[in-house]
C-alpha cells in the first residue's frame, strides 16, 4: 500500500523518483511485497531505525528524499506539499501531526499528551528548534543538507537528532500539517516507550 501510494504521488507531481525500501531483517514477506510493487530493495543487516534510514538515504539517487514509516500511518499519496517546499529552497521539511490531526487510536495517549509534546517543548526551549513535532516520521530534505548533518544515532532518536542538528546548522526549515492514521501493521510496533523516550531525551 505504501509503495503504491508513493509511486502514484511521484507520478502526479511530475517529478522523476523512486521508492527505496530498506529491509532490516524482516521475516513477514514485506520485502517481497515491496519488490513486486515497484520498490528498490536495500538490505541492511545491522538492526536499528536510524541505521536503516541512514542506509536508505545514502542509497537514494534523487536530489530530495522523503522518508516515512512503511505502516501506512502517513498518507504517502499526499507528499506533494513536501516536494513543493523543497523545490522552493527549503532544506528540511517536517510534518506536524498536532497541527494536521491525530486520528483516534493512531497514537498512544502517553506519547500524544506527554512524550512527544515534552521532547518537542524541551528542544524549542533549550536549542530554539522551530518544529512543534520533533518525532514526526514523515519529513523531507535535500540529500546535500542531510550529509551536512553528520548523523550518529542508530535508533528511534534519529528523528530528534536530525531536528536539533538542522537547527544548529541554521538550515532553512518549515512544517507541513500532517494527519496521523492508525497504522496498518499486523504485528506490534517496534517502538519501546521508556527506553526510546530516554534516548530521545538524552
C-alpha atoms as a PDB file:
ATOM      1  CA  UNK A   1       0.000   0.000   0.000  1.00  0.00           C
ATOM      2  CA  UNK A   2       2.750   2.465   0.947  1.00  0.00           C
ATOM      3  CA  UNK A   3       4.807   1.739  -2.164  1.00  0.00           C
ATOM      4  CA  UNK A   4       1.815   2.142  -4.473  1.00  0.00           C
ATOM      5  CA  UNK A   5       0.786   5.426  -2.842  1.00  0.00           C
ATOM      6  CA  UNK A   6       4.322   6.831  -3.003  1.00  0.00           C
ATOM      7  CA  UNK A   7       4.797   5.902  -6.659  1.00  0.00           C
ATOM      8  CA  UNK A   8       1.421   7.428  -7.563  1.00  0.00           C
ATOM      9  CA  UNK A   9       2.304  10.623  -5.715  1.00  0.00           C
ATOM     10  CA  UNK A  10       5.644  10.902  -7.528  1.00  0.00           C
ATOM     11  CA  UNK A  11       3.907  10.423 -10.884  1.00  0.00           C
ATOM     12  CA  UNK A  12       1.265  13.004 -10.018  1.00  0.00           C
ATOM     13  CA  UNK A  13       3.936  15.543  -9.058  1.00  0.00           C
ATOM     14  CA  UNK A  14       5.532  15.298 -12.500  1.00  0.00           C
ATOM     15  CA  UNK A  15       8.929  14.644 -10.973  1.00  0.00           C
ATOM     16  CA  UNK A  16      11.206  11.679 -11.530  1.00  0.00           C
ATOM     17  CA  UNK A  17      11.719   9.499  -8.485  1.00  0.00           C
ATOM     18  CA  UNK A  18      11.961   6.079  -6.918  1.00  0.00           C
ATOM     19  CA  UNK A  19      10.752   4.285  -3.817  1.00  0.00           C
ATOM     20  CA  UNK A  20      13.543   2.799  -1.717  1.00  0.00           C
ATOM     21  CA  UNK A  21      12.659   0.206   0.923  1.00  0.00           C
ATOM     22  CA  UNK A  22      15.302  -0.863   3.414  1.00  0.00           C
ATOM     23  CA  UNK A  23      14.894  -4.436   4.591  1.00  0.00           C
ATOM     24  CA  UNK A  24      16.215  -4.524   8.148  1.00  0.00           C
ATOM     25  CA  UNK A  25      15.745  -8.239   8.727  1.00  0.00           C
ATOM     26  CA  UNK A  26      12.029  -8.692   8.002  1.00  0.00           C
ATOM     27  CA  UNK A  27      10.607 -12.216   8.015  1.00  0.00           C
ATOM     28  CA  UNK A  28       6.958 -11.467   7.175  1.00  0.00           C
ATOM     29  CA  UNK A  29       7.163 -11.258   3.383  1.00  0.00           C
ATOM     30  CA  UNK A  30       7.118  -7.454   3.292  1.00  0.00           C
ATOM     31  CA  UNK A  31      10.361  -7.390   1.308  1.00  0.00           C
ATOM     32  CA  UNK A  32       8.810  -9.495  -1.465  1.00  0.00           C
ATOM     33  CA  UNK A  33       5.613  -7.429  -1.449  1.00  0.00           C
ATOM     34  CA  UNK A  34       7.585  -4.173  -1.797  1.00  0.00           C
ATOM     35  CA  UNK A  35       9.693  -5.617  -4.597  1.00  0.00           C
ATOM     36  CA  UNK A  36       6.649  -6.851  -6.516  1.00  0.00           C
ATOM     37  CA  UNK A  37       5.039  -3.405  -6.292  1.00  0.00           C
ATOM     38  CA  UNK A  38       7.926  -1.436  -7.751  1.00  0.00           C
ATOM     39  CA  UNK A  39      10.240  -0.530  -4.866  1.00  0.00           C
ATOM     40  CA  UNK A  40      14.010  -0.826  -4.947  1.00  0.00           C
ATOM     41  CA  UNK A  41      15.069  -3.041  -2.037  1.00  0.00           C
ATOM     42  CA  UNK A  42      18.198  -2.366   0.014  1.00  0.00           C
ATOM     43  CA  UNK A  43      19.484  -4.876   2.572  1.00  0.00           C
ATOM     44  CA  UNK A  44      20.733  -3.603   5.932  1.00  0.00           C
ATOM     45  CA  UNK A  45      21.672  -6.370   8.357  1.00  0.00           C
ATOM     46  CA  UNK A  46      22.602  -4.106  11.306  1.00  0.00           C
ATOM     47  CA  UNK A  47      19.387  -3.563  13.256  1.00  0.00           C
ATOM     48  CA  UNK A  48      18.072  -0.132  14.152  1.00  0.00           C
ATOM     49  CA  UNK A  49      15.606   2.511  12.938  1.00  0.00           C
ATOM     50  CA  UNK A  50      18.342   5.087  12.435  1.00  0.00           C
ATOM     51  CA  UNK A  51      20.665   2.539  10.831  1.00  0.00           C
ATOM     52  CA  UNK A  52      18.028   1.551   8.278  1.00  0.00           C
ATOM     53  CA  UNK A  53      17.157   5.153   7.437  1.00  0.00           C
ATOM     54  CA  UNK A  54      20.812   6.131   7.101  1.00  0.00           C
ATOM     55  CA  UNK A  55      21.367   3.299   4.633  1.00  0.00           C
ATOM     56  CA  UNK A  56      18.284   4.163   2.600  1.00  0.00           C
ATOM     57  CA  UNK A  57      19.179   7.851   2.390  1.00  0.00           C
ATOM     58  CA  UNK A  58      22.729   7.066   1.298  1.00  0.00           C
ATOM     59  CA  UNK A  59      21.438   4.687  -1.379  1.00  0.00           C
ATOM     60  CA  UNK A  60      18.784   7.096  -2.693  1.00  0.00           C
ATOM     61  CA  UNK A  61      19.582   8.566  -6.084  1.00  0.00           C
ATOM     62  CA  UNK A  62      17.425  11.680  -6.072  1.00  0.00           C
ATOM     63  CA  UNK A  63      18.158  15.270  -5.118  1.00  0.00           C
ATOM     64  CA  UNK A  64      15.415  15.178  -2.484  1.00  0.00           C
ATOM     65  CA  UNK A  65      14.438  12.464  -0.007  1.00  0.00           C
ATOM     66  CA  UNK A  66      11.039  11.963   1.601  1.00  0.00           C
ATOM     67  CA  UNK A  67      11.250   9.492   4.476  1.00  0.00           C
ATOM     68  CA  UNK A  68       8.286   7.793   6.124  1.00  0.00           C
ATOM     69  CA  UNK A  69       7.347   4.753   8.158  1.00  0.00           C
ATOM     70  CA  UNK A  70       6.093   1.890   5.982  1.00  0.00           C
ATOM     71  CA  UNK A  71       2.990   1.156   8.066  1.00  0.00           C
ATOM     72  CA  UNK A  72       0.509   3.439   6.228  1.00  0.00           C
ATOM     73  CA  UNK A  73       0.159   5.755   9.230  1.00  0.00           C
ATOM     74  CA  UNK A  74       1.159   8.624   6.919  1.00  0.00           C
ATOM     75  CA  UNK A  75      -0.704   9.103   3.646  1.00  0.00           C
ATOM     76  CA  UNK A  76       2.056   8.800   1.055  1.00  0.00           C
ATOM     77  CA  UNK A  77      -0.363   9.767  -1.693  1.00  0.00           C
ATOM     78  CA  UNK A  78      -0.111  13.379  -0.460  1.00  0.00           C
ATOM     79  CA  UNK A  79       3.622  14.160  -0.340  1.00  0.00           C
ATOM     80  CA  UNK A  80       3.384  16.949  -2.920  1.00  0.00           C
ATOM     81  CA  UNK A  81       3.405  19.764  -0.283  1.00  0.00           C
ATOM     82  CA  UNK A  82       6.766  18.426   0.960  1.00  0.00           C
ATOM     83  CA  UNK A  83       8.182  18.338  -2.561  1.00  0.00           C
ATOM     84  CA  UNK A  84       6.859  21.853  -3.271  1.00  0.00           C
ATOM     85  CA  UNK A  85       8.608  23.300  -0.206  1.00  0.00           C
ATOM     86  CA  UNK A  86      11.870  21.568  -1.120  1.00  0.00           C
ATOM     87  CA  UNK A  87      11.627  23.000  -4.626  1.00  0.00           C
ATOM     88  CA  UNK A  88      11.097  26.446  -3.076  1.00  0.00           C
ATOM     89  CA  UNK A  89      14.502  26.127  -1.443  1.00  0.00           C
ATOM     90  CA  UNK A  90      13.738  24.744   1.995  1.00  0.00           C
ATOM     91  CA  UNK A  91      16.412  22.306   3.134  1.00  0.00           C
ATOM     92  CA  UNK A  92      14.356  20.495   5.761  1.00  0.00           C
ATOM     93  CA  UNK A  93      10.570  19.979   5.783  1.00  0.00           C
ATOM     94  CA  UNK A  94       8.915  18.146   8.662  1.00  0.00           C
ATOM     95  CA  UNK A  95       5.352  17.042   9.265  1.00  0.00           C
ATOM     96  CA  UNK A  96       3.408  18.223  12.297  1.00  0.00           C
ATOM     97  CA  UNK A  97       0.781  15.751  13.469  1.00  0.00           C
ATOM     98  CA  UNK A  98      -0.506  18.059  16.197  1.00  0.00           C
ATOM     99  CA  UNK A  99      -1.425  20.666  13.557  1.00  0.00           C
ATOM    100  CA  UNK A 100      -2.674  18.193  10.945  1.00  0.00           C
ATOM    101  CA  UNK A 101      -4.629  15.916  13.245  1.00  0.00           C
ATOM    102  CA  UNK A 102      -4.224  12.600  15.041  1.00  0.00           C
ATOM    103  CA  UNK A 103      -6.951  10.079  14.274  1.00  0.00           C
ATOM    104  CA  UNK A 104      -8.450   8.021  17.124  1.00  0.00           C
ATOM    105  CA  UNK A 105      -6.133   5.157  18.174  1.00  0.00           C
ATOM    106  CA  UNK A 106      -3.350   6.449  15.921  1.00  0.00           C
ATOM    107  CA  UNK A 107      -1.012   7.384  18.798  1.00  0.00           C
ATOM    108  CA  UNK A 108      -0.789   6.074  22.375  1.00  0.00           C
ATOM    109  CA  UNK A 109      -2.118   8.625  24.865  1.00  0.00           C
ATOM    110  CA  UNK A 110       1.212   8.644  26.731  1.00  0.00           C
ATOM    111  CA  UNK A 111       3.003   9.718  23.546  1.00  0.00           C
ATOM    112  CA  UNK A 112       0.280  12.160  22.484  1.00  0.00           C
ATOM    113  CA  UNK A 113      -0.042  14.095  25.743  1.00  0.00           C
ATOM    114  CA  UNK A 114       3.347  13.640  27.412  1.00  0.00           C
ATOM    115  CA  UNK A 115       6.226  12.126  25.439  1.00  0.00           C
ATOM    116  CA  UNK A 116       6.095  13.932  22.099  1.00  0.00           C
ATOM    117  CA  UNK A 117       4.987  17.351  23.426  1.00  0.00           C
ATOM    118  CA  UNK A 118       7.582  17.252  26.229  1.00  0.00           C
ATOM    119  CA  UNK A 119      10.527  16.385  23.972  1.00  0.00           C
ATOM    120  CA  UNK A 120       9.456  18.955  21.367  1.00  0.00           C
ATOM    121  CA  UNK A 121       8.956  21.668  24.012  1.00  0.00           C
ATOM    122  CA  UNK A 122      12.346  20.921  25.584  1.00  0.00           C
ATOM    123  CA  UNK A 123      14.042  21.196  22.195  1.00  0.00           C
ATOM    124  CA  UNK A 124      12.393  24.537  21.495  1.00  0.00           C
ATOM    125  CA  UNK A 125      13.366  25.833  24.944  1.00  0.00           C
ATOM    126  CA  UNK A 126      16.979  24.632  25.041  1.00  0.00           C
ATOM    127  CA  UNK A 127      18.000  24.922  21.401  1.00  0.00           C
ATOM    128  CA  UNK A 128      15.399  27.170  19.762  1.00  0.00           C
ATOM    129  CA  UNK A 129      14.150  24.481  17.381  1.00  0.00           C
ATOM    130  CA  UNK A 130      11.173  25.569  15.286  1.00  0.00           C
ATOM    131  CA  UNK A 131       9.183  22.341  14.725  1.00  0.00           C
ATOM    132  CA  UNK A 132       6.341  21.527  17.083  1.00  0.00           C
ATOM    133  CA  UNK A 133       6.539  17.783  16.435  1.00  0.00           C
ATOM    134  CA  UNK A 134      10.132  16.566  16.733  1.00  0.00           C
ATOM    135  CA  UNK A 135       9.238  12.922  16.313  1.00  0.00           C
ATOM    136  CA  UNK A 136       7.076  13.008  13.192  1.00  0.00           C
ATOM    137  CA  UNK A 137       8.334  10.234  10.920  1.00  0.00           C
ATOM    138  CA  UNK A 138       7.240  11.969   7.709  1.00  0.00           C
ATOM    139  CA  UNK A 139       9.832  14.508   6.609  1.00  0.00           C
ATOM    140  CA  UNK A 140      11.738  15.664   3.556  1.00  0.00           C
ATOM    141  CA  UNK A 141      15.166  17.145   2.940  1.00  0.00           C
ATOM    142  CA  UNK A 142      17.776  17.569   0.287  1.00  0.00           C
ATOM    143  CA  UNK A 143      20.458  14.883   0.279  1.00  0.00           C
ATOM    144  CA  UNK A 144      23.089  17.642   0.332  1.00  0.00           C
ATOM    145  CA  UNK A 145      21.592  19.025   3.555  1.00  0.00           C
ATOM    146  CA  UNK A 146      21.363  15.565   5.092  1.00  0.00           C
ATOM    147  CA  UNK A 147      25.064  14.829   4.653  1.00  0.00           C
ATOM    148  CA  UNK A 148      25.904  18.122   6.355  1.00  0.00           C
ATOM    149  CA  UNK A 149      24.078  16.910   9.486  1.00  0.00           C
ATOM    150  CA  UNK A 150      26.676  14.252  10.303  1.00  0.00           C
ATOM    151  CA  UNK A 151      24.086  11.914  11.810  1.00  0.00           C
ATOM    152  CA  UNK A 152      25.313   9.497  14.511  1.00  0.00           C
ATOM    153  CA  UNK A 153      22.332   7.870  16.252  1.00  0.00           C
ATOM    154  CA  UNK A 154      21.181   4.362  15.363  1.00  0.00           C
ATOM    155  CA  UNK A 155      17.751   4.041  16.998  1.00  0.00           C
ATOM    156  CA  UNK A 156      14.443   5.895  17.266  1.00  0.00           C
ATOM    157  CA  UNK A 157      16.250   9.039  18.468  1.00  0.00           C
ATOM    158  CA  UNK A 158      17.406   9.551  14.863  1.00  0.00           C
ATOM    159  CA  UNK A 159      14.482  11.924  14.228  1.00  0.00           C
ATOM    160  CA  UNK A 160      15.300  14.114  17.224  1.00  0.00           C
ATOM    161  CA  UNK A 161      18.991  14.328  16.327  1.00  0.00           C
ATOM    162  CA  UNK A 162      18.048  15.418  12.817  1.00  0.00           C
ATOM    163  CA  UNK A 163      15.867  18.315  14.022  1.00  0.00           C
ATOM    164  CA  UNK A 164      18.441  19.503  16.564  1.00  0.00           C
ATOM    165  CA  UNK A 165      21.333  19.452  14.100  1.00  0.00           C
ATOM    166  CA  UNK A 166      19.301  21.126  11.343  1.00  0.00           C
ATOM    167  CA  UNK A 167      18.544  23.919  13.839  1.00  0.00           C
ATOM    168  CA  UNK A 168      22.160  24.268  14.974  1.00  0.00           C
ATOM    169  CA  UNK A 169      23.273  24.472  11.333  1.00  0.00           C
ATOM    170  CA  UNK A 170      20.605  27.147  10.691  1.00  0.00           C
ATOM    171  CA  UNK A 171      19.028  25.206   7.841  1.00  0.00           C
ATOM    172  CA  UNK A 172      16.006  26.703   6.123  1.00  0.00           C
ATOM    173  CA  UNK A 173      13.181  24.726   7.729  1.00  0.00           C
ATOM    174  CA  UNK A 174       9.388  24.589   7.639  1.00  0.00           C
ATOM    175  CA  UNK A 175       6.483  22.426   8.792  1.00  0.00           C
ATOM    176  CA  UNK A 176       3.592  20.771   6.957  1.00  0.00           C
ATOM    177  CA  UNK A 177       0.404  19.868   8.877  1.00  0.00           C
ATOM    178  CA  UNK A 178       0.219  16.080   8.652  1.00  0.00           C
ATOM    179  CA  UNK A 179      -2.581  13.668   9.539  1.00  0.00           C
ATOM    180  CA  UNK A 180      -1.592  10.580  11.514  1.00  0.00           C
ATOM    181  CA  UNK A 181      -3.730   7.495  10.827  1.00  0.00           C
ATOM    182  CA  UNK A 182      -3.850   4.239  12.802  1.00  0.00           C
ATOM    183  CA  UNK A 183      -1.071   2.115  11.396  1.00  0.00           C
ATOM    184  CA  UNK A 184      -1.832  -0.816   9.157  1.00  0.00           C
ATOM    185  CA  UNK A 185       0.689  -3.253  10.599  1.00  0.00           C
ATOM    186  CA  UNK A 186      -0.374  -6.728  11.659  1.00  0.00           C
ATOM    187  CA  UNK A 187       2.221  -7.068  14.432  1.00  0.00           C
ATOM    188  CA  UNK A 188       3.266  -4.883  17.371  1.00  0.00           C
ATOM    189  CA  UNK A 189       5.139  -1.614  16.969  1.00  0.00           C
ATOM    190  CA  UNK A 190       8.934  -1.644  17.283  1.00  0.00           C
ATOM    191  CA  UNK A 191       8.732   1.500  19.434  1.00  0.00           C
ATOM    192  CA  UNK A 192       9.590   0.926  23.111  1.00  0.00           C
ATOM    193  CA  UNK A 193       8.189   3.885  25.043  1.00  0.00           C
ATOM    194  CA  UNK A 194      10.563   4.087  28.029  1.00  0.00           C
ATOM    195  CA  UNK A 195      13.979   3.205  26.502  1.00  0.00           C
ATOM    196  CA  UNK A 196      13.262   5.079  23.257  1.00  0.00           C
ATOM    197  CA  UNK A 197      11.918   8.074  25.187  1.00  0.00           C
ATOM    198  CA  UNK A 198      15.026   8.201  27.397  1.00  0.00           C
ATOM    199  CA  UNK A 199      17.353   8.025  24.382  1.00  0.00           C
ATOM    200  CA  UNK A 200      15.434  10.882  22.750  1.00  0.00           C
ATOM    201  CA  UNK A 201      15.682  12.909  25.940  1.00  0.00           C
ATOM    202  CA  UNK A 202      19.417  12.280  26.188  1.00  0.00           C
END
